[in-house]
Amino acid sequence: MEQKITSPVQSVSAAETDKGFGLINTDWAKDSLWNHAVEVAEYLNEEVTENGTKSFTEIRLTRRYWFSKEFHTISEDTARKDLYPVIAQQAIASDAAYPCPTQTSTWVGVLPHEPFKVVRYIASWQGEGGISNKALLRLVGKSKLVCQNSFGANGEGEYDLQYDTFFEDQIPLSLRSLNFQENLEFVRPTLVSQLFRGADLPKYFQGDYKVEGRDTVETKLGRIACWKVSVERGMKKDYYWFEEALPHILVKAELASGISKLLQKKTYQRLVP
């Protein structure tokens, strides 16, 4: 099954909507810690449901990898001549709520010098009803979302995407690269998170992204100075707080869907050469 989907919102480059500041500060990706460490961040997630509020843990692993141009996947062959760097983040969450535990995972890889450009995206949902997997497939001149699913009317399928689609699931990684200044604003058509049971036609929203200003967040790690970013999506707004200090880790999120995230722990584990 192959279906073509066109974004219902106009594609506007970030540079065109930049309100007078440079949008990206690639210093976050050049930080020397990525040469030798993996960032491990633990979050307390809370979700408001019909039956009350449930809590679960999410782990985000962020590090630099070397990809091969031949396969656009991680390569451990350091002798290859076609390697290029990718900053990647994997988010793993497990909700053990009775009677149907679920596990979710996303893997997003972006170019350090173009941190809005996704080169690898995989989303996986596991729980009652089986497994739903979605992945970005980049071809010459076009991109597709490939779905494999054991639930619902849509099993396996391919959907055409805008070539440089911006994913909602990349926000916690890519927005760390912003040149944070108050009132920095840009518009970006955004593909709705694919982290759900089943497969469906990809849906976009016109995201109006704005750095609201500085804020302080209370965490188990103490008070953390942050930049607060809002994402307006129609009549709703999501909010994200990124640490003011490099490398601008996500500290907190409050989403219109009823999900919140709060940083509990962070460590930088040295990689074995």
C-alpha atoms as a PDB file:
ATOM      1  CA  MET A   1       0.000   0.000   0.000  1.00  0.00           C
ATOM      2  CA  GLU A   2       1.516   3.307  -1.066  1.00  0.00           C
ATOM      3  CA  GLN A   3      -0.267   6.566  -0.461  1.00  0.00           C
ATOM      4  CA  LYS A   4       0.717  10.131  -1.227  1.00  0.00           C
ATOM      5  CA  ILE A   5       0.057  12.699   1.451  1.00  0.00           C
ATOM      6  CA  THR A   6       0.440  16.429   0.982  1.00  0.00           C
ATOM      7  CA  SER A   7       0.897  18.700   3.949  1.00  0.00           C
ATOM      8  CA  PRO A   8      -2.204  20.866   4.488  1.00  0.00           C
ATOM      9  CA  VAL A   9       0.033  23.688   5.712  1.00  0.00           C
ATOM     10  CA  GLN A  10       2.407  25.831   3.732  1.00  0.00           C
ATOM     11  CA  SER A  11       6.069  24.909   3.909  1.00  0.00           C
ATOM     12  CA  VAL A  12       7.972  27.940   5.164  1.00  0.00           C
ATOM     13  CA  SER A  13      11.703  27.870   5.727  1.00  0.00           C
ATOM     14  CA  ALA A  14      12.942  28.907   9.141  1.00  0.00           C
ATOM     15  CA  ALA A  15      15.171  31.540   7.558  1.00  0.00           C
ATOM     16  CA  GLU A  16      12.150  33.238   5.978  1.00  0.00           C
ATOM     17  CA  THR A  17      10.353  33.557   9.307  1.00  0.00           C
ATOM     18  CA  ASP A  18      13.400  34.383  11.422  1.00  0.00           C
ATOM     19  CA  LYS A  19      12.586  37.589  13.322  1.00  0.00           C
ATOM     20  CA  GLY A  20      15.986  39.202  12.922  1.00  0.00           C
ATOM     21  CA  PHE A  21      18.237  36.684  14.701  1.00  0.00           C
ATOM     22  CA  GLY A  22      20.245  33.755  13.430  1.00  0.00           C
ATOM     23  CA  LEU A  23      18.036  30.742  14.070  1.00  0.00           C
ATOM     24  CA  ILE A  24      20.620  28.022  14.710  1.00  0.00           C
ATOM     25  CA  ASN A  25      23.639  27.955  17.019  1.00  0.00           C
ATOM     26  CA  THR A  26      25.590  24.833  16.107  1.00  0.00           C
ATOM     27  CA  ASP A  27      27.888  25.200  19.127  1.00  0.00           C
ATOM     28  CA  TRP A  28      25.629  22.731  20.947  1.00  0.00           C
ATOM     29  CA  ALA A  29      26.624  19.996  18.498  1.00  0.00           C
ATOM     30  CA  LYS A  30      30.308  20.974  18.507  1.00  0.00           C
ATOM     31  CA  ASP A  31      30.552  20.627  22.284  1.00  0.00           C
ATOM     32  CA  SER A  32      33.562  18.455  23.085  1.00  0.00           C
ATOM     33  CA  LEU A  33      31.490  16.157  25.330  1.00  0.00           C
ATOM     34  CA  TRP A  34      30.002  14.482  22.243  1.00  0.00           C
ATOM     35  CA  ASN A  35      33.502  13.291  21.337  1.00  0.00           C
ATOM     36  CA  HIS A  36      33.692  10.961  24.306  1.00  0.00           C
ATOM     37  CA  ALA A  37      30.371  10.711  26.165  1.00  0.00           C
ATOM     38  CA  VAL A  38      26.742   9.701  25.979  1.00  0.00           C
ATOM     39  CA  GLU A  39      24.170  11.833  27.764  1.00  0.00           C
ATOM     40  CA  VAL A  40      21.715   9.798  29.855  1.00  0.00           C
ATOM     41  CA  ALA A  41      18.644  11.706  31.050  1.00  0.00           C
ATOM     42  CA  GLU A  42      15.782  10.302  33.123  1.00  0.00           C
ATOM     43  CA  TYR A  43      12.357  11.961  33.169  1.00  0.00           C
ATOM     44  CA  LEU A  44       9.213  11.545  35.211  1.00  0.00           C
ATOM     45  CA  ASN A  45       6.341  11.502  32.733  1.00  0.00           C
ATOM     46  CA  GLU A  46       2.762  12.122  33.802  1.00  0.00           C
ATOM     47  CA  GLU A  47      -0.274  11.710  31.589  1.00  0.00           C
ATOM     48  CA  VAL A  48      -3.810  12.883  32.341  1.00  0.00           C
ATOM     49  CA  THR A  49      -6.337  10.234  31.245  1.00  0.00           C
ATOM     50  CA  GLU A  50     -10.046   9.536  31.704  1.00  0.00           C
ATOM     51  CA  ASN A  51      -9.163   7.451  34.768  1.00  0.00           C
ATOM     52  CA  GLY A  52      -6.889  10.004  36.398  1.00  0.00           C
ATOM     53  CA  THR A  53      -3.176  10.746  36.179  1.00  0.00           C
ATOM     54  CA  LYS A  54      -0.632   8.000  35.540  1.00  0.00           C
ATOM     55  CA  SER A  55       3.138   8.256  35.942  1.00  0.00           C
ATOM     56  CA  PHE A  56       5.972   6.445  34.197  1.00  0.00           C
ATOM     57  CA  THR A  57       9.680   6.810  33.503  1.00  0.00           C
ATOM     58  CA  GLU A  58      11.341   7.860  30.265  1.00  0.00           C
ATOM     59  CA  ILE A  59      15.050   7.602  29.441  1.00  0.00           C
ATOM     60  CA  ARG A  60      16.695   9.706  26.722  1.00  0.00           C
ATOM     61  CA  LEU A  61      20.127   8.755  25.406  1.00  0.00           C
ATOM     62  CA  THR A  62      21.924  11.375  23.317  1.00  0.00           C
ATOM     63  CA  ARG A  63      25.283  10.989  21.618  1.00  0.00           C
ATOM     64  CA  ARG A  64      27.212  11.392  18.385  1.00  0.00           C
ATOM     65  CA  TYR A  65      27.497   8.518  15.933  1.00  0.00           C
ATOM     66  CA  TRP A  66      29.265   8.039  12.623  1.00  0.00           C
ATOM     67  CA  PHE A  67      26.989   7.077   9.729  1.00  0.00           C
ATOM     68  CA  SER A  68      27.998   5.574   6.400  1.00  0.00           C
ATOM     69  CA  LYS A  69      26.736   7.317   3.284  1.00  0.00           C
ATOM     70  CA  GLU A  70      26.148   3.924   1.686  1.00  0.00           C
ATOM     71  CA  PHE A  71      23.526   2.742   4.184  1.00  0.00           C
ATOM     72  CA  HIS A  72      22.779   5.875   6.264  1.00  0.00           C
ATOM     73  CA  THR A  73      23.166   3.792   9.416  1.00  0.00           C
ATOM     74  CA  ILE A  74      25.700   3.613  12.260  1.00  0.00           C
ATOM     75  CA  SER A  75      29.069   2.246  11.180  1.00  0.00           C
ATOM     76  CA  GLU A  76      31.764   0.862  13.466  1.00  0.00           C
ATOM     77  CA  ASP A  77      34.213   0.604  10.578  1.00  0.00           C
ATOM     78  CA  THR A  78      36.335   3.686  11.253  1.00  0.00           C
ATOM     79  CA  ALA A  79      38.424   2.975   8.156  1.00  0.00           C
ATOM     80  CA  ARG A  80      35.530   3.831   5.834  1.00  0.00           C
ATOM     81  CA  LYS A  81      35.983   6.982   3.752  1.00  0.00           C
ATOM     82  CA  ASP A  82      32.277   7.822   3.541  1.00  0.00           C
ATOM     83  CA  LEU A  83      31.512   8.452   7.229  1.00  0.00           C
ATOM     84  CA  TYR A  84      29.657  11.538   8.433  1.00  0.00           C
ATOM     85  CA  PRO A  85      28.597  12.632  11.955  1.00  0.00           C
ATOM     86  CA  VAL A  86      25.048  12.413  13.302  1.00  0.00           C
ATOM     87  CA  ILE A  87      23.704  13.586  16.658  1.00  0.00           C
ATOM     88  CA  ALA A  88      21.095  11.044  17.753  1.00  0.00           C
ATOM     89  CA  GLN A  89      18.628  10.732  20.593  1.00  0.00           C
ATOM     90  CA  GLN A  90      16.787   7.589  21.637  1.00  0.00           C
ATOM     91  CA  ALA A  91      13.796   7.913  23.964  1.00  0.00           C
ATOM     92  CA  ILE A  92      12.613   4.790  25.795  1.00  0.00           C
ATOM     93  CA  ALA A  93       9.499   4.739  27.979  1.00  0.00           C
ATOM     94  CA  SER A  94       7.731   1.928  29.805  1.00  0.00           C
ATOM     95  CA  ASP A  95       4.243   2.237  31.274  1.00  0.00           C
ATOM     96  CA  ALA A  96       3.446  -0.754  33.482  1.00  0.00           C
ATOM     97  CA  ALA A  97      -0.133   0.355  34.210  1.00  0.00           C
ATOM     98  CA  TYR A  98      -2.458  -2.621  34.811  1.00  0.00           C
ATOM     99  CA  PRO A  99      -3.818  -4.469  32.897  1.00  0.00           C
ATOM    100  CA  CYS A 100      -2.053  -3.504  29.654  1.00  0.00           C
ATOM    101  CA  PRO A 101       1.584  -2.423  29.954  1.00  0.00           C
ATOM    102  CA  THR A 102       3.063  -0.553  26.995  1.00  0.00           C
ATOM    103  CA  GLN A 103       6.557   0.288  25.812  1.00  0.00           C
ATOM    104  CA  THR A 104       7.509   3.032  23.387  1.00  0.00           C
ATOM    105  CA  SER A 105      10.737   4.091  21.754  1.00  0.00           C
ATOM    106  CA  THR A 106      11.864   6.701  19.246  1.00  0.00           C
ATOM    107  CA  TRP A 107      15.243   7.099  17.570  1.00  0.00           C
ATOM    108  CA  VAL A 108      15.989  10.425  15.868  1.00  0.00           C
ATOM    109  CA  GLY A 109      19.261  11.289  14.142  1.00  0.00           C
ATOM    110  CA  VAL A 110      20.041  14.785  12.805  1.00  0.00           C
ATOM    111  CA  LEU A 111      22.980  16.449  11.081  1.00  0.00           C
ATOM    112  CA  PRO A 112      25.088  18.531  13.521  1.00  0.00           C
ATOM    113  CA  HIS A 113      25.377  21.422  11.043  1.00  0.00           C
ATOM    114  CA  GLU A 114      21.700  21.112   9.985  1.00  0.00           C
ATOM    115  CA  PRO A 115      19.997  20.016  13.212  1.00  0.00           C
ATOM    116  CA  PHE A 116      16.478  20.341  11.782  1.00  0.00           C
ATOM    117  CA  LYS A 117      17.289  17.794   9.068  1.00  0.00           C
ATOM    118  CA  VAL A 118      16.454  14.221  10.082  1.00  0.00           C
ATOM    119  CA  VAL A 119      18.529  11.481   8.462  1.00  0.00           C
ATOM    120  CA  ARG A 120      17.105   8.592  10.498  1.00  0.00           C
ATOM    121  CA  TYR A 121      13.776   8.260  12.335  1.00  0.00           C
ATOM    122  CA  ILE A 122      12.232   5.155  13.892  1.00  0.00           C
ATOM    123  CA  ALA A 123       9.206   5.008  16.213  1.00  0.00           C
ATOM    124  CA  SER A 124       7.965   1.857  17.947  1.00  0.00           C
ATOM    125  CA  TRP A 125       4.834   1.258  20.053  1.00  0.00           C
ATOM    126  CA  GLN A 126       4.319  -2.108  21.815  1.00  0.00           C
ATOM    127  CA  GLY A 127       1.359  -3.124  23.924  1.00  0.00           C
ATOM    128  CA  GLU A 128      -2.161  -4.533  23.775  1.00  0.00           C
ATOM    129  CA  GLY A 129      -2.865  -4.986  20.087  1.00  0.00           C
ATOM    130  CA  GLY A 130       0.682  -5.904  19.168  1.00  0.00           C
ATOM    131  CA  ILE A 131       3.394  -3.709  17.680  1.00  0.00           C
ATOM    132  CA  SER A 132       3.380  -0.596  15.498  1.00  0.00           C
ATOM    133  CA  ASN A 133       6.622   0.527  13.840  1.00  0.00           C
ATOM    134  CA  LYS A 134       7.224   3.572  11.652  1.00  0.00           C
ATOM    135  CA  ALA A 135      10.450   4.603   9.967  1.00  0.00           C
ATOM    136  CA  LEU A 136      11.723   7.337   7.675  1.00  0.00           C
ATOM    137  CA  LEU A 137      12.963   6.093   4.313  1.00  0.00           C
ATOM    138  CA  ARG A 138      15.033   8.603   2.345  1.00  0.00           C
ATOM    139  CA  LEU A 139      15.201   8.053  -1.402  1.00  0.00           C
ATOM    140  CA  VAL A 140      16.667  10.189  -4.173  1.00  0.00           C
ATOM    141  CA  GLY A 141      14.582  13.355  -4.194  1.00  0.00           C
ATOM    142  CA  LYS A 142      11.839  12.094  -1.892  1.00  0.00           C
ATOM    143  CA  SER A 143      11.050  10.715   1.560  1.00  0.00           C
ATOM    144  CA  LYS A 144       8.584   8.091   2.729  1.00  0.00           C
ATOM    145  CA  LEU A 145       7.138   6.987   6.046  1.00  0.00           C
ATOM    146  CA  VAL A 146       7.175   3.189   6.128  1.00  0.00           C
ATOM    147  CA  CYS A 147       4.695   1.559   8.538  1.00  0.00           C
ATOM    148  CA  GLN A 148       4.485  -1.988   9.889  1.00  0.00           C
ATOM    149  CA  ASN A 149       1.530  -2.607  12.128  1.00  0.00           C
ATOM    150  CA  SER A 150      -0.407  -5.478  13.695  1.00  0.00           C
ATOM    151  CA  PHE A 151      -3.455  -3.427  14.687  1.00  0.00           C
ATOM    152  CA  GLY A 152      -6.385  -1.922  12.781  1.00  0.00           C
ATOM    153  CA  ALA A 153      -7.299  -1.691   9.112  1.00  0.00           C
ATOM    154  CA  ASN A 154      -3.927  -0.339   7.995  1.00  0.00           C
ATOM    155  CA  GLY A 155      -1.244  -2.967   8.373  1.00  0.00           C
ATOM    156  CA  GLU A 156       1.794  -2.214   6.257  1.00  0.00           C
ATOM    157  CA  GLY A 157       2.079   0.862   4.103  1.00  0.00           C
ATOM    158  CA  GLU A 158       4.224   3.632   2.671  1.00  0.00           C
ATOM    159  CA  TYR A 159       3.291   7.294   2.724  1.00  0.00           C
ATOM    160  CA  ASP A 160       5.026  10.100   0.829  1.00  0.00           C
ATOM    161  CA  LEU A 161       6.363  12.897   3.028  1.00  0.00           C
ATOM    162  CA  GLN A 162       7.715  16.352   2.368  1.00  0.00           C
ATOM    163  CA  TYR A 163      11.415  15.841   1.669  1.00  0.00           C
ATOM    164  CA  ASP A 164      12.664  17.766   4.702  1.00  0.00           C
ATOM    165  CA  THR A 165       9.795  16.920   7.033  1.00  0.00           C
ATOM    166  CA  PHE A 166      10.151  18.254  10.583  1.00  0.00           C
ATOM    167  CA  PHE A 167       8.937  15.657  13.108  1.00  0.00           C
ATOM    168  CA  GLU A 168       7.192  16.460  16.376  1.00  0.00           C
ATOM    169  CA  ASP A 169       9.285  13.666  17.882  1.00  0.00           C
ATOM    170  CA  GLN A 170      12.522  15.530  17.057  1.00  0.00           C
ATOM    171  CA  ILE A 171      11.585  18.644  19.067  1.00  0.00           C
ATOM    172  CA  PRO A 172      13.398  17.591  22.300  1.00  0.00           C
ATOM    173  CA  LEU A 173      16.608  17.136  20.281  1.00  0.00           C
ATOM    174  CA  SER A 174      16.554  19.698  17.472  1.00  0.00           C
ATOM    175  CA  LEU A 175      15.356  22.672  19.515  1.00  0.00           C
ATOM    176  CA  ARG A 176      18.484  22.352  21.649  1.00  0.00           C
ATOM    177  CA  SER A 177      20.292  23.907  18.685  1.00  0.00           C
ATOM    178  CA  LEU A 178      18.337  27.177  18.743  1.00  0.00           C
ATOM    179  CA  ASN A 179      20.193  30.457  19.020  1.00  0.00           C
ATOM    180  CA  PHE A 180      18.206  31.154  22.186  1.00  0.00           C
ATOM    181  CA  GLN A 181      17.079  34.768  22.433  1.00  0.00           C
ATOM    182  CA  GLU A 182      13.812  36.167  23.700  1.00  0.00           C
ATOM    183  CA  ASN A 183      11.178  36.432  20.948  1.00  0.00           C
ATOM    184  CA  LEU A 184      13.112  34.272  18.498  1.00  0.00           C
ATOM    185  CA  GLU A 185      10.288  32.870  16.385  1.00  0.00           C
ATOM    186  CA  PHE A 186       9.847  30.671  13.334  1.00  0.00           C
ATOM    187  CA  VAL A 187       7.110  28.702  11.602  1.00  0.00           C
ATOM    188  CA  ARG A 188       7.573  25.091  10.591  1.00  0.00           C
ATOM    189  CA  PRO A 189       5.024  22.562   9.267  1.00  0.00           C
ATOM    190  CA  THR A 190       5.404  19.657  11.691  1.00  0.00           C
ATOM    191  CA  LEU A 191       4.506  15.987  11.341  1.00  0.00           C
ATOM    192  CA  VAL A 192       2.387  14.835  14.286  1.00  0.00           C
ATOM    193  CA  SER A 193       4.104  12.312  16.569  1.00  0.00           C
ATOM    194  CA  GLN A 194       3.998   8.786  15.165  1.00  0.00           C
ATOM    195  CA  LEU A 195       4.246   7.209  18.613  1.00  0.00           C
ATOM    196  CA  PHE A 196       0.819   5.575  18.737  1.00  0.00           C
ATOM    197  CA  ARG A 197      -0.857   2.225  18.146  1.00  0.00           C
ATOM    198  CA  GLY A 198      -1.787   1.606  14.541  1.00  0.00           C
ATOM    199  CA  ALA A 199      -0.969   3.341  11.270  1.00  0.00           C
ATOM    200  CA  ASP A 200      -2.649   6.357   9.725  1.00  0.00           C
ATOM    201  CA  LEU A 201      -2.153   8.960   7.030  1.00  0.00           C
ATOM    202  CA  PRO A 202       0.567  11.347   8.248  1.00  0.00           C
ATOM    203  CA  LYS A 203      -0.889  14.569   9.608  1.00  0.00           C
ATOM    204  CA  TYR A 204       0.868  17.921   9.860  1.00  0.00           C
ATOM    205  CA  PHE A 205       0.224  20.983  11.964  1.00  0.00           C
ATOM    206  CA  GLN A 206       1.490  24.496  11.308  1.00  0.00           C
ATOM    207  CA  GLY A 207       3.824  24.953  14.259  1.00  0.00           C
ATOM    208  CA  ASP A 208       4.550  28.497  15.407  1.00  0.00           C
ATOM    209  CA  TYR A 209       7.698  28.149  17.530  1.00  0.00           C
ATOM    210  CA  LYS A 210       8.664  30.984  19.866  1.00  0.00           C
ATOM    211  CA  VAL A 211      11.290  31.479  22.567  1.00  0.00           C
ATOM    212  CA  GLU A 212       9.169  33.078  25.287  1.00  0.00           C
ATOM    213  CA  GLY A 213      12.161  34.042  27.447  1.00  0.00           C
ATOM    214  CA  ARG A 214      14.117  32.872  30.470  1.00  0.00           C
ATOM    215  CA  ASP A 215      12.521  30.855  33.266  1.00  0.00           C
ATOM    216  CA  THR A 216      13.592  28.764  36.260  1.00  0.00           C
ATOM    217  CA  VAL A 217      12.450  25.170  36.757  1.00  0.00           C
ATOM    218  CA  GLU A 218      12.420  23.346  40.100  1.00  0.00           C
ATOM    219  CA  THR A 219      13.732  19.786  39.775  1.00  0.00           C
ATOM    220  CA  LYS A 220      15.221  17.059  41.975  1.00  0.00           C
ATOM    221  CA  LEU A 221      18.563  18.340  40.701  1.00  0.00           C
ATOM    222  CA  GLY A 222      17.802  21.810  42.050  1.00  0.00           C
ATOM    223  CA  ARG A 223      16.707  25.016  40.354  1.00  0.00           C
ATOM    224  CA  ILE A 224      17.723  25.052  36.693  1.00  0.00           C
ATOM    225  CA  ALA A 225      17.879  28.225  34.593  1.00  0.00           C
ATOM    226  CA  CYS A 226      16.070  27.556  31.313  1.00  0.00           C
ATOM    227  CA  TRP A 227      14.792  28.991  28.083  1.00  0.00           C
ATOM    228  CA  LYS A 228      11.031  28.503  27.707  1.00  0.00           C
ATOM    229  CA  VAL A 229       9.790  27.673  24.206  1.00  0.00           C
ATOM    230  CA  SER A 230       6.149  27.580  23.114  1.00  0.00           C
ATOM    231  CA  VAL A 231       4.783  25.673  20.133  1.00  0.00           C
ATOM    232  CA  GLU A 232       1.425  26.958  18.952  1.00  0.00           C
ATOM    233  CA  ARG A 233      -0.549  24.342  17.037  1.00  0.00           C
ATOM    234  CA  GLY A 234      -3.916  25.775  16.092  1.00  0.00           C
ATOM    235  CA  MET A 235      -5.908  26.519  19.250  1.00  0.00           C
ATOM    236  CA  LYS A 236      -3.460  24.610  21.463  1.00  0.00           C
ATOM    237  CA  LYS A 237       0.039  25.224  22.813  1.00  0.00           C
ATOM    238  CA  ASP A 238       2.854  22.982  23.957  1.00  0.00           C
ATOM    239  CA  TYR A 239       5.685  24.245  26.169  1.00  0.00           C
ATOM    240  CA  TYR A 240       9.289  23.090  26.458  1.00  0.00           C
ATOM    241  CA  TRP A 241      12.036  24.231  28.827  1.00  0.00           C
ATOM    242  CA  PHE A 242      15.688  23.807  27.772  1.00  0.00           C
ATOM    243  CA  GLU A 243      18.617  24.366  30.121  1.00  0.00           C
ATOM    244  CA  GLU A 244      20.244  27.729  29.512  1.00  0.00           C
ATOM    245  CA  ALA A 245      23.740  26.227  29.684  1.00  0.00           C
ATOM    246  CA  LEU A 246      25.148  24.145  26.840  1.00  0.00           C
ATOM    247  CA  PRO A 247      24.277  21.576  25.592  1.00  0.00           C
ATOM    248  CA  HIS A 248      20.715  22.799  26.369  1.00  0.00           C
ATOM    249  CA  ILE A 249      19.204  19.566  27.664  1.00  0.00           C
ATOM    250  CA  LEU A 250      15.393  19.325  27.832  1.00  0.00           C
ATOM    251  CA  VAL A 251      14.405  19.982  31.455  1.00  0.00           C
ATOM    252  CA  LYS A 252      10.615  20.088  31.312  1.00  0.00           C
ATOM    253  CA  ALA A 253       7.708  19.782  28.901  1.00  0.00           C
ATOM    254  CA  GLU A 254       3.978  20.456  29.237  1.00  0.00           C
ATOM    255  CA  LEU A 255       1.953  19.276  26.257  1.00  0.00           C
ATOM    256  CA  ALA A 256      -1.615  20.121  25.322  1.00  0.00           C
ATOM    257  CA  SER A 257      -2.272  16.377  25.022  1.00  0.00           C
ATOM    258  CA  GLY A 258      -2.065  16.102  28.826  1.00  0.00           C
ATOM    259  CA  ILE A 259       1.494  14.744  29.006  1.00  0.00           C
ATOM    260  CA  SER A 260       4.207  16.397  31.097  1.00  0.00           C
ATOM    261  CA  LYS A 261       7.912  15.587  31.506  1.00  0.00           C
ATOM    262  CA  LEU A 262      10.325  16.636  34.250  1.00  0.00           C
ATOM    263  CA  LEU A 263      14.043  15.887  34.397  1.00  0.00           C
ATOM    264  CA  GLN A 264      14.997  13.664  37.353  1.00  0.00           C
ATOM    265  CA  LYS A 265      18.601  12.653  36.649  1.00  0.00           C
ATOM    266  CA  LYS A 266      21.306  13.343  34.100  1.00  0.00           C
ATOM    267  CA  THR A 267      24.736  11.801  33.670  1.00  0.00           C
ATOM    268  CA  TYR A 268      27.441  11.816  31.023  1.00  0.00           C
ATOM    269  CA  GLN A 269      28.940   8.379  30.626  1.00  0.00           C
ATOM    270  CA  ARG A 270      32.331   8.077  29.001  1.00  0.00           C
ATOM    271  CA  LEU A 271      32.412   6.030  25.819  1.00  0.00           C
ATOM    272  CA  VAL A 272      34.989   3.284  25.450  1.00  0.00           C
ATOM    273  CA  PRO A 273      37.356   4.183  22.565  1.00  0.00           C
END
